[in-house]
PDB file of N, CA and C in Angstrom:
ATOM      1  N   MET A   1      29.927 -74.136 146.336  1.00  0.00           N
ATOM      2  CA  MET A   1      29.013 -75.050 146.993  1.00  0.00           C
ATOM      3  C   MET A   1      27.655 -74.986 146.298  1.00  0.00           C
ATOM      4  N   ILE A   2      27.046 -76.127 146.088  1.00  0.00           N
ATOM      5  CA  ILE A   2      25.749 -76.215 145.436  1.00  0.00           C
ATOM      6  C   ILE A   2      24.664 -75.864 146.444  1.00  0.00           C
ATOM      7  N   GLN A   3      23.782 -74.955 146.048  1.00  0.00           N
ATOM      8  CA  GLN A   3      22.663 -74.564 146.902  1.00  0.00           C
ATOM      9  C   GLN A   3      21.564 -75.620 146.812  1.00  0.00           C
ATOM     10  N   PRO A   4      21.180 -76.236 147.931  1.00  0.00           N
ATOM     11  CA  PRO A   4      20.105 -77.238 147.866  1.00  0.00           C
ATOM     12  C   PRO A   4      18.773 -76.553 147.580  1.00  0.00           C
ATOM     13  N   PRO A   5      17.861 -77.276 146.954  1.00  0.00           N
ATOM     14  CA  PRO A   5      16.549 -76.689 146.693  1.00  0.00           C
ATOM     15  C   PRO A   5      15.767 -76.547 147.995  1.00  0.00           C
ATOM     16  N   ASP A   6      14.832 -75.603 148.007  1.00  0.00           N
ATOM     17  CA  ASP A   6      13.932 -75.566 149.154  1.00  0.00           C
ATOM     18  C   ASP A   6      12.820 -76.586 148.903  1.00  0.00           C
ATOM     19  N   GLU A   7      11.940 -76.740 149.863  1.00  0.00           N
ATOM     20  CA  GLU A   7      10.921 -77.781 149.751  1.00  0.00           C
ATOM     21  C   GLU A   7      10.042 -77.599 148.512  1.00  0.00           C
ATOM     22  N   SER A   8       9.648 -76.374 148.205  1.00  0.00           N
ATOM     23  CA  SER A   8       8.770 -76.165 147.044  1.00  0.00           C
ATOM     24  C   SER A   8       9.491 -76.475 145.735  1.00  0.00           C
ATOM     25  N   GLN A   9      10.779 -76.154 145.651  1.00  0.00           N
ATOM     26  CA  GLN A   9      11.557 -76.493 144.449  1.00  0.00           C
ATOM     27  C   GLN A   9      11.707 -78.009 144.316  1.00  0.00           C
ATOM     28  N   ALA A  10      11.968 -78.675 145.426  1.00  0.00           N
ATOM     29  CA  ALA A  10      12.106 -80.134 145.394  1.00  0.00           C
ATOM     30  C   ALA A  10      10.791 -80.783 144.976  1.00  0.00           C
ATOM     31  N   LEU A  11       9.687 -80.285 145.497  1.00  0.00           N
ATOM     32  CA  LEU A  11       8.382 -80.833 145.125  1.00  0.00           C
ATOM     33  C   LEU A  11       8.088 -80.623 143.646  1.00  0.00           C
ATOM     34  N   ALA A  12       8.448 -79.456 143.112  1.00  0.00           N
ATOM     35  CA  ALA A  12       8.233 -79.192 141.681  1.00  0.00           C
ATOM     36  C   ALA A  12       9.048 -80.160 140.831  1.00  0.00           C
ATOM     37  N   ALA A  13      10.298 -80.399 141.225  1.00  0.00           N
ATOM     38  CA  ALA A  13      11.155 -81.316 140.467  1.00  0.00           C
ATOM     39  C   ALA A  13      10.637 -82.746 140.551  1.00  0.00           C
ATOM     40  N   LEU A  14      10.267 -83.176 141.742  1.00  0.00           N
ATOM     41  CA  LEU A  14       9.758 -84.541 141.900  1.00  0.00           C
ATOM     42  C   LEU A  14       8.433 -84.723 141.162  1.00  0.00           C
ATOM     43  N   SER A  15       7.598 -83.710 141.182  1.00  0.00           N
ATOM     44  CA  SER A  15       6.336 -83.765 140.447  1.00  0.00           C
ATOM     45  C   SER A  15       6.596 -83.881 138.947  1.00  0.00           C
ATOM     46  N   ALA A  16       7.566 -83.116 138.452  1.00  0.00           N
ATOM     47  CA  ALA A  16       7.908 -83.181 137.024  1.00  0.00           C
ATOM     48  C   ALA A  16       8.384 -84.574 136.643  1.00  0.00           C
ATOM     49  N   LEU A  17       9.086 -85.232 137.536  1.00  0.00           N
ATOM     50  CA  LEU A  17       9.626 -86.560 137.248  1.00  0.00           C
ATOM     51  C   LEU A  17       8.625 -87.688 137.493  1.00  0.00           C
ATOM     52  N   SER A  18       7.434 -87.346 137.966  1.00  0.00           N
ATOM     53  CA  SER A  18       6.450 -88.386 138.270  1.00  0.00           C
ATOM     54  C   SER A  18       5.691 -88.866 137.036  1.00  0.00           C
ATOM     55  N   GLU A  19       6.072 -88.395 135.871  1.00  0.00           N
ATOM     56  CA  GLU A  19       5.428 -88.787 134.616  1.00  0.00           C
ATOM     57  C   GLU A  19       6.466 -89.508 133.767  1.00  0.00           C
ATOM     58  N   SER A  20       6.112 -90.652 133.207  1.00  0.00           N
ATOM     59  CA  SER A  20       7.100 -91.529 132.561  1.00  0.00           C
ATOM     60  C   SER A  20       7.800 -90.887 131.364  1.00  0.00           C
ATOM     61  N   THR A  21       7.098 -90.120 130.555  1.00  0.00           N
ATOM     62  CA  THR A  21       7.752 -89.483 129.397  1.00  0.00           C
ATOM     63  C   THR A  21       8.820 -88.510 129.865  1.00  0.00           C
ATOM     64  N   ARG A  22       8.511 -87.717 130.884  1.00  0.00           N
ATOM     65  CA  ARG A  22       9.496 -86.746 131.375  1.00  0.00           C
ATOM     66  C   ARG A  22      10.688 -87.447 132.005  1.00  0.00           C
ATOM     67  N   LEU A  23      10.450 -88.542 132.696  1.00  0.00           N
ATOM     68  CA  LEU A  23      11.568 -89.298 133.267  1.00  0.00           C
ATOM     69  C   LEU A  23      12.460 -89.842 132.152  1.00  0.00           C
ATOM     70  N   ARG A  24      11.855 -90.340 131.079  1.00  0.00           N
ATOM     71  CA  ARG A  24      12.639 -90.843 129.941  1.00  0.00           C
ATOM     72  C   ARG A  24      13.404 -89.708 129.257  1.00  0.00           C
ATOM     73  N   ILE A  25      12.788 -88.533 129.148  1.00  0.00           N
ATOM     74  CA  ILE A  25      13.475 -87.380 128.556  1.00  0.00           C
ATOM     75  C   ILE A  25      14.695 -87.028 129.388  1.00  0.00           C
ATOM     76  N   LEU A  26      14.522 -86.951 130.699  1.00  0.00           N
ATOM     77  CA  LEU A  26      15.654 -86.589 131.554  1.00  0.00           C
ATOM     78  C   LEU A  26      16.760 -87.630 131.451  1.00  0.00           C
ATOM     79  N   ARG A  27      16.395 -88.888 131.455  1.00  0.00           N
ATOM     80  CA  ARG A  27      17.390 -89.964 131.321  1.00  0.00           C
ATOM     81  C   ARG A  27      18.154 -89.807 130.005  1.00  0.00           C
ATOM     82  N   PHE A  28      17.431 -89.525 128.924  1.00  0.00           N
ATOM     83  CA  PHE A  28      18.054 -89.334 127.612  1.00  0.00           C
ATOM     84  C   PHE A  28      19.020 -88.151 127.641  1.00  0.00           C
ATOM     85  N   LEU A  29      18.584 -87.033 128.219  1.00  0.00           N
ATOM     86  CA  LEU A  29      19.439 -85.840 128.238  1.00  0.00           C
ATOM     87  C   LEU A  29      20.666 -86.023 129.125  1.00  0.00           C
ATOM     88  N   VAL A  30      20.524 -86.724 130.226  1.00  0.00           N
ATOM     89  CA  VAL A  30      21.698 -87.008 131.065  1.00  0.00           C
ATOM     90  C   VAL A  30      22.697 -87.837 130.268  1.00  0.00           C
ATOM     91  N   ALA A  31      22.207 -88.833 129.539  1.00  0.00           N
ATOM     92  CA  ALA A  31      23.093 -89.678 128.727  1.00  0.00           C
ATOM     93  C   ALA A  31      23.763 -88.873 127.619  1.00  0.00           C
ATOM     94  N   ARG A  32      23.095 -87.871 127.075  1.00  0.00           N
ATOM     95  CA  ARG A  32      23.673 -87.037 126.013  1.00  0.00           C
ATOM     96  C   ARG A  32      24.794 -86.150 126.525  1.00  0.00           C
ATOM     97  N   GLY A  33      24.798 -85.871 127.803  1.00  0.00           N
ATOM     98  CA  GLY A  33      25.863 -85.061 128.370  1.00  0.00           C
ATOM     99  C   GLY A  33      25.701 -83.588 128.060  1.00  0.00           C
ATOM    100  N   PRO A  34      26.792 -82.832 128.157  1.00  0.00           N
ATOM    101  CA  PRO A  34      26.714 -81.380 128.025  1.00  0.00           C
ATOM    102  C   PRO A  34      26.292 -80.879 126.644  1.00  0.00           C
ATOM    103  N   GLN A  35      26.427 -81.703 125.606  1.00  0.00           N
ATOM    104  CA  GLN A  35      26.021 -81.239 124.275  1.00  0.00           C
ATOM    105  C   GLN A  35      24.505 -81.149 124.157  1.00  0.00           C
ATOM    106  N   GLY A  36      23.760 -81.912 124.960  1.00  0.00           N
ATOM    107  CA  GLY A  36      22.312 -81.865 124.910  1.00  0.00           C
ATOM    108  C   GLY A  36      21.766 -82.341 123.578  1.00  0.00           C
ATOM    109  N   ALA A  37      20.533 -81.943 123.283  1.00  0.00           N
ATOM    110  CA  ALA A  37      19.892 -82.356 122.036  1.00  0.00           C
ATOM    111  C   ALA A  37      18.741 -81.411 121.721  1.00  0.00           C
ATOM    112  N   PRO A  38      18.462 -81.232 120.429  1.00  0.00           N
ATOM    113  CA  PRO A  38      17.290 -80.438 120.050  1.00  0.00           C
ATOM    114  C   PRO A  38      16.008 -81.229 120.312  1.00  0.00           C
ATOM    115  N   ALA A  39      14.902 -80.520 120.411  1.00  0.00           N
ATOM    116  CA  ALA A  39      13.617 -81.141 120.742  1.00  0.00           C
ATOM    117  C   ALA A  39      13.251 -82.247 119.760  1.00  0.00           C
ATOM    118  N   GLY A  40      13.483 -82.024 118.469  1.00  0.00           N
ATOM    119  CA  GLY A  40      13.129 -83.033 117.471  1.00  0.00           C
ATOM    120  C   GLY A  40      13.857 -84.342 117.681  1.00  0.00           C
ATOM    121  N   GLU A  41      15.131 -84.254 118.006  1.00  0.00           N
ATOM    122  CA  GLU A  41      15.919 -85.469 118.254  1.00  0.00           C
ATOM    123  C   GLU A  41      15.441 -86.184 119.517  1.00  0.00           C
ATOM    124  N   ILE A  42      15.104 -85.399 120.530  1.00  0.00           N
ATOM    125  CA  ILE A  42      14.585 -85.996 121.763  1.00  0.00           C
ATOM    126  C   ILE A  42      13.273 -86.715 121.462  1.00  0.00           C
ATOM    127  N   GLY A  43      12.416 -86.061 120.688  1.00  0.00           N
ATOM    128  CA  GLY A  43      11.131 -86.652 120.331  1.00  0.00           C
ATOM    129  C   GLY A  43      11.280 -87.951 119.568  1.00  0.00           C
ATOM    130  N   GLU A  44      12.223 -87.981 118.624  1.00  0.00           N
ATOM    131  CA  GLU A  44      12.464 -89.212 117.866  1.00  0.00           C
ATOM    132  C   GLU A  44      12.954 -90.330 118.777  1.00  0.00           C
ATOM    133  N   ALA A  45      13.862 -89.992 119.682  1.00  0.00           N
ATOM    134  CA  ALA A  45      14.434 -91.005 120.569  1.00  0.00           C
ATOM    135  C   ALA A  45      13.409 -91.529 121.577  1.00  0.00           C
ATOM    136  N   ILE A  46      12.569 -90.641 122.072  1.00  0.00           N
ATOM    137  CA  ILE A  46      11.619 -91.012 123.117  1.00  0.00           C
ATOM    138  C   ILE A  46      10.286 -91.467 122.523  1.00  0.00           C
ATOM    139  N   GLY A  47       9.949 -90.905 121.364  1.00  0.00           N
ATOM    140  CA  GLY A  47       8.707 -91.283 120.698  1.00  0.00           C
ATOM    141  C   GLY A  47       7.517 -90.418 121.063  1.00  0.00           C
ATOM    142  N   PHE A  48       7.651 -89.108 120.886  1.00  0.00           N
ATOM    143  CA  PHE A  48       6.515 -88.221 121.110  1.00  0.00           C
ATOM    144  C   PHE A  48       6.447 -87.165 120.023  1.00  0.00           C
ATOM    145  N   SER A  49       5.266 -86.570 119.867  1.00  0.00           N
ATOM    146  CA  SER A  49       5.061 -85.519 118.869  1.00  0.00           C
ATOM    147  C   SER A  49       5.698 -84.223 119.355  1.00  0.00           C
ATOM    148  N   SER A  50       5.891 -83.284 118.438  1.00  0.00           N
ATOM    149  CA  SER A  50       6.539 -82.030 118.816  1.00  0.00           C
ATOM    150  C   SER A  50       5.702 -81.239 119.819  1.00  0.00           C
ATOM    151  N   SER A  51       4.377 -81.266 119.697  1.00  0.00           N
ATOM    152  CA  SER A  51       3.554 -80.514 120.652  1.00  0.00           C
ATOM    153  C   SER A  51       3.635 -81.133 122.050  1.00  0.00           C
ATOM    154  N   ARG A  52       3.584 -82.452 122.132  1.00  0.00           N
ATOM    155  CA  ARG A  52       3.712 -83.112 123.431  1.00  0.00           C
ATOM    156  C   ARG A  52       5.120 -82.918 123.990  1.00  0.00           C
ATOM    157  N   GLY A  53       6.105 -82.962 123.107  1.00  0.00           N
ATOM    158  CA  GLY A  53       7.480 -82.765 123.548  1.00  0.00           C
ATOM    159  C   GLY A  53       7.693 -81.393 124.139  1.00  0.00           C
ATOM    160  N   SER A  54       7.147 -80.377 123.484  1.00  0.00           N
ATOM    161  CA  SER A  54       7.276 -79.011 124.002  1.00  0.00           C
ATOM    162  C   SER A  54       6.658 -78.900 125.387  1.00  0.00           C
ATOM    163  N   PHE A  55       5.507 -79.525 125.560  1.00  0.00           N
ATOM    164  CA  PHE A  55       4.846 -79.500 126.865  1.00  0.00           C
ATOM    165  C   PHE A  55       5.738 -80.143 127.930  1.00  0.00           C
ATOM    166  N   HIS A  56       6.219 -81.354 127.663  1.00  0.00           N
ATOM    167  CA  HIS A  56       7.029 -82.077 128.650  1.00  0.00           C
ATOM    168  C   HIS A  56       8.358 -81.373 128.917  1.00  0.00           C
ATOM    169  N   LEU A  57       9.004 -80.876 127.877  1.00  0.00           N
ATOM    170  CA  LEU A  57      10.267 -80.158 128.063  1.00  0.00           C
ATOM    171  C   LEU A  57      10.044 -78.878 128.863  1.00  0.00           C
ATOM    172  N   GLY A  58       8.923 -78.218 128.638  1.00  0.00           N
ATOM    173  CA  GLY A  58       8.591 -77.020 129.410  1.00  0.00           C
ATOM    174  C   GLY A  58       8.406 -77.319 130.886  1.00  0.00           C
ATOM    175  N   VAL A  59       7.749 -78.422 131.190  1.00  0.00           N
ATOM    176  CA  VAL A  59       7.559 -78.820 132.591  1.00  0.00           C
ATOM    177  C   VAL A  59       8.917 -79.072 133.247  1.00  0.00           C
ATOM    178  N   LEU A  60       9.789 -79.790 132.552  1.00  0.00           N
ATOM    179  CA  LEU A  60      11.122 -80.078 133.099  1.00  0.00           C
ATOM    180  C   LEU A  60      11.943 -78.801 133.263  1.00  0.00           C
ATOM    181  N   ALA A  61      11.820 -77.880 132.316  1.00  0.00           N
ATOM    182  CA  ALA A  61      12.562 -76.614 132.404  1.00  0.00           C
ATOM    183  C   ALA A  61      12.046 -75.770 133.569  1.00  0.00           C
ATOM    184  N   ARG A  62      10.734 -75.672 133.723  1.00  0.00           N
ATOM    185  CA  ARG A  62      10.174 -74.889 134.834  1.00  0.00           C
ATOM    186  C   ARG A  62      10.542 -75.492 136.187  1.00  0.00           C
ATOM    187  N   ALA A  63      10.728 -76.794 136.220  1.00  0.00           N
ATOM    188  CA  ALA A  63      11.132 -77.469 137.460  1.00  0.00           C
ATOM    189  C   ALA A  63      12.631 -77.318 137.717  1.00  0.00           C
ATOM    190  N   GLY A  64      13.356 -76.748 136.755  1.00  0.00           N
ATOM    191  CA  GLY A  64      14.788 -76.525 136.928  1.00  0.00           C
ATOM    192  C   GLY A  64      15.658 -77.725 136.627  1.00  0.00           C
ATOM    193  N   LEU A  65      15.103 -78.745 135.980  1.00  0.00           N
ATOM    194  CA  LEU A  65      15.865 -79.966 135.708  1.00  0.00           C
ATOM    195  C   LEU A  65      16.544 -79.959 134.349  1.00  0.00           C
ATOM    196  N   VAL A  66      16.067 -79.134 133.427  1.00  0.00           N
ATOM    197  CA  VAL A  66      16.709 -78.995 132.119  1.00  0.00           C
ATOM    198  C   VAL A  66      16.843 -77.514 131.793  1.00  0.00           C
ATOM    199  N   THR A  67      17.810 -77.219 130.940  1.00  0.00           N
ATOM    200  CA  THR A  67      17.979 -75.860 130.432  1.00  0.00           C
ATOM    201  C   THR A  67      17.705 -75.877 128.935  1.00  0.00           C
ATOM    202  N   ALA A  68      17.315 -74.737 128.421  1.00  0.00           N
ATOM    203  CA  ALA A  68      17.033 -74.592 126.996  1.00  0.00           C
ATOM    204  C   ALA A  68      17.839 -73.413 126.474  1.00  0.00           C
ATOM    205  N   THR A  69      18.606 -73.654 125.400  1.00  0.00           N
ATOM    206  CA  THR A  69      19.437 -72.620 124.804  1.00  0.00           C
ATOM    207  C   THR A  69      19.131 -72.529 123.322  1.00  0.00           C
ATOM    208  N   LYS A  70      18.804 -71.328 122.860  1.00  0.00           N
ATOM    209  CA  LYS A  70      18.538 -71.125 121.434  1.00  0.00           C
ATOM    210  C   LYS A  70      19.865 -71.182 120.690  1.00  0.00           C
ATOM    211  N   SER A  71      19.908 -72.005 119.658  1.00  0.00           N
ATOM    212  CA  SER A  71      21.105 -72.151 118.832  1.00  0.00           C
ATOM    213  C   SER A  71      20.653 -72.143 117.379  1.00  0.00           C
ATOM    214  N   SER A  72      20.914 -71.035 116.702  1.00  0.00           N
ATOM    215  CA  SER A  72      20.471 -70.871 115.322  1.00  0.00           C
ATOM    216  C   SER A  72      18.950 -70.991 115.285  1.00  0.00           C
ATOM    217  N   ARG A  73      18.428 -71.986 114.583  1.00  0.00           N
ATOM    218  CA  ARG A  73      16.975 -72.145 114.479  1.00  0.00           C
ATOM    219  C   ARG A  73      16.445 -73.246 115.386  1.00  0.00           C
ATOM    220  N   GLN A  74      17.269 -73.739 116.269  1.00  0.00           N
ATOM    221  CA  GLN A  74      16.866 -74.824 117.159  1.00  0.00           C
ATOM    222  C   GLN A  74      17.005 -74.400 118.613  1.00  0.00           C
ATOM    223  N   VAL A  75      16.307 -75.107 119.462  1.00  0.00           N
ATOM    224  CA  VAL A  75      16.498 -74.973 120.902  1.00  0.00           C
ATOM    225  C   VAL A  75      17.160 -76.263 121.366  1.00  0.00           C
ATOM    226  N   ILE A  76      18.297 -76.111 122.027  1.00  0.00           N
ATOM    227  CA  ILE A  76      19.035 -77.262 122.543  1.00  0.00           C
ATOM    228  C   ILE A  76      18.700 -77.412 124.026  1.00  0.00           C
ATOM    229  N   TYR A  77      18.275 -78.606 124.385  1.00  0.00           N
ATOM    230  CA  TYR A  77      17.937 -78.912 125.775  1.00  0.00           C
ATOM    231  C   TYR A  77      19.059 -79.728 126.393  1.00  0.00           C
ATOM    232  N   ARG A  78      19.367 -79.401 127.646  1.00  0.00           N
ATOM    233  CA  ARG A  78      20.408 -80.112 128.388  1.00  0.00           C
ATOM    234  C   ARG A  78      19.897 -80.417 129.791  1.00  0.00           C
ATOM    235  N   ALA A  79      20.297 -81.552 130.310  1.00  0.00           N
ATOM    236  CA  ALA A  79      20.004 -81.857 131.711  1.00  0.00           C
ATOM    237  C   ALA A  79      20.835 -80.923 132.573  1.00  0.00           C
ATOM    238  N   ASP A  80      20.232 -80.342 133.587  1.00  0.00           N
ATOM    239  CA  ASP A  80      20.960 -79.493 134.525  1.00  0.00           C
ATOM    240  C   ASP A  80      21.477 -80.399 135.640  1.00  0.00           C
ATOM    241  N   THR A  81      22.675 -80.926 135.429  1.00  0.00           N
ATOM    242  CA  THR A  81      23.216 -81.911 136.365  1.00  0.00           C
ATOM    243  C   THR A  81      23.496 -81.313 137.742  1.00  0.00           C
ATOM    244  N   VAL A  82      23.769 -80.020 137.800  1.00  0.00           N
ATOM    245  CA  VAL A  82      23.961 -79.377 139.107  1.00  0.00           C
ATOM    246  C   VAL A  82      22.646 -79.398 139.885  1.00  0.00           C
ATOM    247  N   ALA A  83      21.550 -79.058 139.209  1.00  0.00           N
ATOM    248  CA  ALA A  83      20.238 -79.067 139.865  1.00  0.00           C
ATOM    249  C   ALA A  83      19.827 -80.486 140.254  1.00  0.00           C
ATOM    250  N   ILE A  84      20.120 -81.451 139.388  1.00  0.00           N
ATOM    251  CA  ILE A  84      19.789 -82.845 139.698  1.00  0.00           C
ATOM    252  C   ILE A  84      20.587 -83.306 140.918  1.00  0.00           C
ATOM    253  N   GLY A  85      21.867 -82.962 140.959  1.00  0.00           N
ATOM    254  CA  GLY A  85      22.698 -83.299 142.114  1.00  0.00           C
ATOM    255  C   GLY A  85      22.203 -82.640 143.391  1.00  0.00           C
ATOM    256  N   ALA A  86      21.767 -81.384 143.278  1.00  0.00           N
ATOM    257  CA  ALA A  86      21.234 -80.685 144.452  1.00  0.00           C
ATOM    258  C   ALA A  86      19.953 -81.350 144.944  1.00  0.00           C
ATOM    259  N   LEU A  87      19.117 -81.794 144.006  1.00  0.00           N
ATOM    260  CA  LEU A  87      17.892 -82.502 144.388  1.00  0.00           C
ATOM    261  C   LEU A  87      18.234 -83.813 145.099  1.00  0.00           C
ATOM    262  N   MET A  88      19.211 -84.543 144.570  1.00  0.00           N
ATOM    263  CA  MET A  88      19.633 -85.791 145.216  1.00  0.00           C
ATOM    264  C   MET A  88      20.164 -85.508 146.625  1.00  0.00           C
ATOM    265  N   GLY A  89      20.961 -84.456 146.755  1.00  0.00           N
ATOM    266  CA  GLY A  89      21.474 -84.081 148.066  1.00  0.00           C
ATOM    267  C   GLY A  89      20.361 -83.732 149.042  1.00  0.00           C
ATOM    268  N   TYR A  90      19.363 -83.015 148.537  1.00  0.00           N
ATOM    269  CA  TYR A  90      18.211 -82.666 149.371  1.00  0.00           C
ATOM    270  C   TYR A  90      17.509 -83.927 149.860  1.00  0.00           C
ATOM    271  N   LEU A  91      17.282 -84.871 148.949  1.00  0.00           N
ATOM    272  CA  LEU A  91      16.600 -86.109 149.333  1.00  0.00           C
ATOM    273  C   LEU A  91      17.402 -86.887 150.370  1.00  0.00           C
ATOM    274  N   ILE A  92      18.708 -86.982 150.146  1.00  0.00           N
ATOM    275  CA  ILE A  92      19.549 -87.758 151.059  1.00  0.00           C
ATOM    276  C   ILE A  92      19.665 -87.083 152.420  1.00  0.00           C
ATOM    277  N   ASN A  93      19.990 -85.800 152.427  1.00  0.00           N
ATOM    278  CA  ASN A  93      20.278 -85.116 153.684  1.00  0.00           C
ATOM    279  C   ASN A  93      19.037 -84.643 154.422  1.00  0.00           C
ATOM    280  N   ASP A  94      18.104 -84.020 153.705  1.00  0.00           N
ATOM    281  CA  ASP A  94      16.945 -83.440 154.378  1.00  0.00           C
ATOM    282  C   ASP A  94      15.835 -84.456 154.604  1.00  0.00           C
ATOM    283  N   CYS A  95      15.597 -85.301 153.636  1.00  0.00           N
ATOM    284  CA  CYS A  95      14.480 -86.248 153.751  1.00  0.00           C
ATOM    285  C   CYS A  95      14.886 -87.554 154.421  1.00  0.00           C
ATOM    286  N   CYS A  96      16.082 -87.992 154.178  1.00  0.00           N
ATOM    287  CA  CYS A  96      16.514 -89.307 154.672  1.00  0.00           C
ATOM    288  C   CYS A  96      17.469 -89.202 155.846  1.00  0.00           C
ATOM    289  N   GLY A  97      17.737 -88.005 156.315  1.00  0.00           N
ATOM    290  CA  GLY A  97      18.597 -87.835 157.476  1.00  0.00           C
ATOM    291  C   GLY A  97      19.994 -88.378 157.287  1.00  0.00           C
ATOM    292  N   ALA A  98      20.476 -88.386 156.041  1.00  0.00           N
ATOM    293  CA  ALA A  98      21.812 -88.893 155.712  1.00  0.00           C
ATOM    294  C   ALA A  98      22.020 -90.310 156.241  1.00  0.00           C
ATOM    295  N   ASP A  99      20.975 -91.127 156.184  1.00  0.00           N
ATOM    296  CA  ASP A  99      21.050 -92.525 156.610  1.00  0.00           C
ATOM    297  C   ASP A  99      22.215 -93.209 155.895  1.00  0.00           C
ATOM    298  N   PRO A 100      23.117 -93.881 156.622  1.00  0.00           N
ATOM    299  CA  PRO A 100      24.310 -94.466 156.005  1.00  0.00           C
ATOM    300  C   PRO A 100      24.010 -95.444 154.871  1.00  0.00           C
ATOM    301  N   GLN A 101      22.956 -96.243 155.012  1.00  0.00           N
ATOM    302  CA  GLN A 101      22.643 -97.208 153.952  1.00  0.00           C
ATOM    303  C   GLN A 101      22.173 -96.480 152.687  1.00  0.00           C
ATOM    304  N   ILE A 102      21.407 -95.421 152.856  1.00  0.00           N
ATOM    305  CA  ILE A 102      20.947 -94.654 151.694  1.00  0.00           C
ATOM    306  C   ILE A 102      22.113 -93.908 151.063  1.00  0.00           C
ATOM    307  N   VAL A 103      22.959 -93.307 151.887  1.00  0.00           N
ATOM    308  CA  VAL A 103      24.134 -92.602 151.365  1.00  0.00           C
ATOM    309  C   VAL A 103      25.025 -93.566 150.593  1.00  0.00           C
ATOM    310  N   ALA A 104      25.203 -94.787 151.102  1.00  0.00           N
ATOM    311  CA  ALA A 104      26.047 -95.781 150.429  1.00  0.00           C
ATOM    312  C   ALA A 104      25.504 -96.127 149.049  1.00  0.00           C
ATOM    313  N   CYS A 105      24.197 -96.113 148.886  1.00  0.00           N
ATOM    314  CA  CYS A 105      23.592 -96.416 147.578  1.00  0.00           C
ATOM    315  C   CYS A 105      23.929 -95.368 146.530  1.00  0.00           C
ATOM    316  N   CYS A 106      24.273 -94.180 146.962  1.00  0.00           N
ATOM    317  CA  CYS A 106      24.561 -93.097 146.020  1.00  0.00           C
ATOM    318  C   CYS A 106      26.016 -93.059 145.596  1.00  0.00           C
ATOM    319  N   SER A 107      26.841 -93.877 146.192  1.00  0.00           N
ATOM    320  CA  SER A 107      28.236 -93.968 145.788  1.00  0.00           C
ATOM    321  C   SER A 107      28.298 -94.755 144.484  1.00  0.00           C
ATOM    322  N   PRO A 108      29.018 -94.256 143.468  1.00  0.00           N
ATOM    323  CA  PRO A 108      29.055 -94.956 142.180  1.00  0.00           C
ATOM    324  C   PRO A 108      29.495 -96.411 142.269  1.00  0.00           C
ATOM    325  N   ALA A 109      30.359 -96.728 143.220  1.00  0.00           N
ATOM    326  CA  ALA A 109      30.866 -98.093 143.319  1.00  0.00           C
ATOM    327  C   ALA A 109      30.011 -98.962 144.238  1.00  0.00           C
ATOM    328  N   ALA A 110      29.063 -98.356 144.934  1.00  0.00           N
ATOM    329  CA  ALA A 110      28.276 -99.110 145.912  1.00  0.00           C
ATOM    330  C   ALA A 110      27.112 -99.826 145.249  1.00  0.00           C
ATOM    331  N   ALA A 111      26.784-100.941 145.834  1.00  0.00           N
ATOM    332  CA  ALA A 111      25.580-101.669 145.418  1.00  0.00           C
ATOM    333  C   ALA A 111      24.636-101.664 146.604  1.00  0.00           C
ATOM    334  N   CYS A 112      23.396-101.312 146.375  1.00  0.00           N
ATOM    335  CA  CYS A 112      22.423-101.290 147.468  1.00  0.00           C
ATOM    336  C   CYS A 112      22.033-102.714 147.821  1.00  0.00           C
ATOM    337  N   ARG A 113      22.154-103.024 149.061  1.00  0.00           N
ATOM    338  CA  ARG A 113      21.763-104.337 149.545  1.00  0.00           C
ATOM    339  C   ARG A 113      20.875-104.142 150.762  1.00  0.00           C
ATOM    340  N   PRO A 114      19.930-105.034 150.982  1.00  0.00           N
ATOM    341  CA  PRO A 114      19.162-104.949 152.227  1.00  0.00           C
ATOM    342  C   PRO A 114      20.105-105.057 153.418  1.00  0.00           C
ATOM    343  N   GLN A 115      19.741-104.401 154.504  1.00  0.00           N
ATOM    344  CA  GLN A 115      20.587-104.408 155.689  1.00  0.00           C
ATOM    345  C   GLN A 115      20.848-105.831 156.146  1.00  0.00           C
ATOM    346  N   GLY A 116      22.081-106.105 156.530  1.00  0.00           N
ATOM    347  CA  GLY A 116      22.458-107.426 156.999  1.00  0.00           C
ATOM    348  C   GLY A 116      23.075-108.301 155.932  1.00  0.00           C
ATOM    349  N   GLU A 117      22.948-107.933 154.665  1.00  0.00           N
ATOM    350  CA  GLU A 117      23.573-108.708 153.583  1.00  0.00           C
ATOM    351  C   GLU A 117      24.936-108.121 153.277  1.00  0.00           C
ATOM    352  N   SER A 118      25.850-108.973 152.841  1.00  0.00           N
ATOM    353  CA  SER A 118      27.157-108.468 152.418  1.00  0.00           C
ATOM    354  C   SER A 118      27.573-109.066 151.119  1.00  0.00           C
TER     355      SER A 118
END
């Protein structure tokens, strides 16, 4: 069973994602899947310098949203999909009271529609 974050962990993760570069980095790493990517490749794809990239990747890592693994002379970053899923669960269950319309939006096959539309 996935352990949901506590409020301070959720706030740290949401704060980390409140900046557009970090949100784009996380989106890129989720798309890369379990193989992840080195910082240089992330920087090229997103368009940031290595110093700015290190800063943003560090914020995401401290928030628990990405992991960093040393591989030879590179650091490979990966999205922590378990942590991201736990954060989503926290938002749905703790913050939104498991509202059926919100829960339905999280189903891969569901399309979010305003209430009353079909």
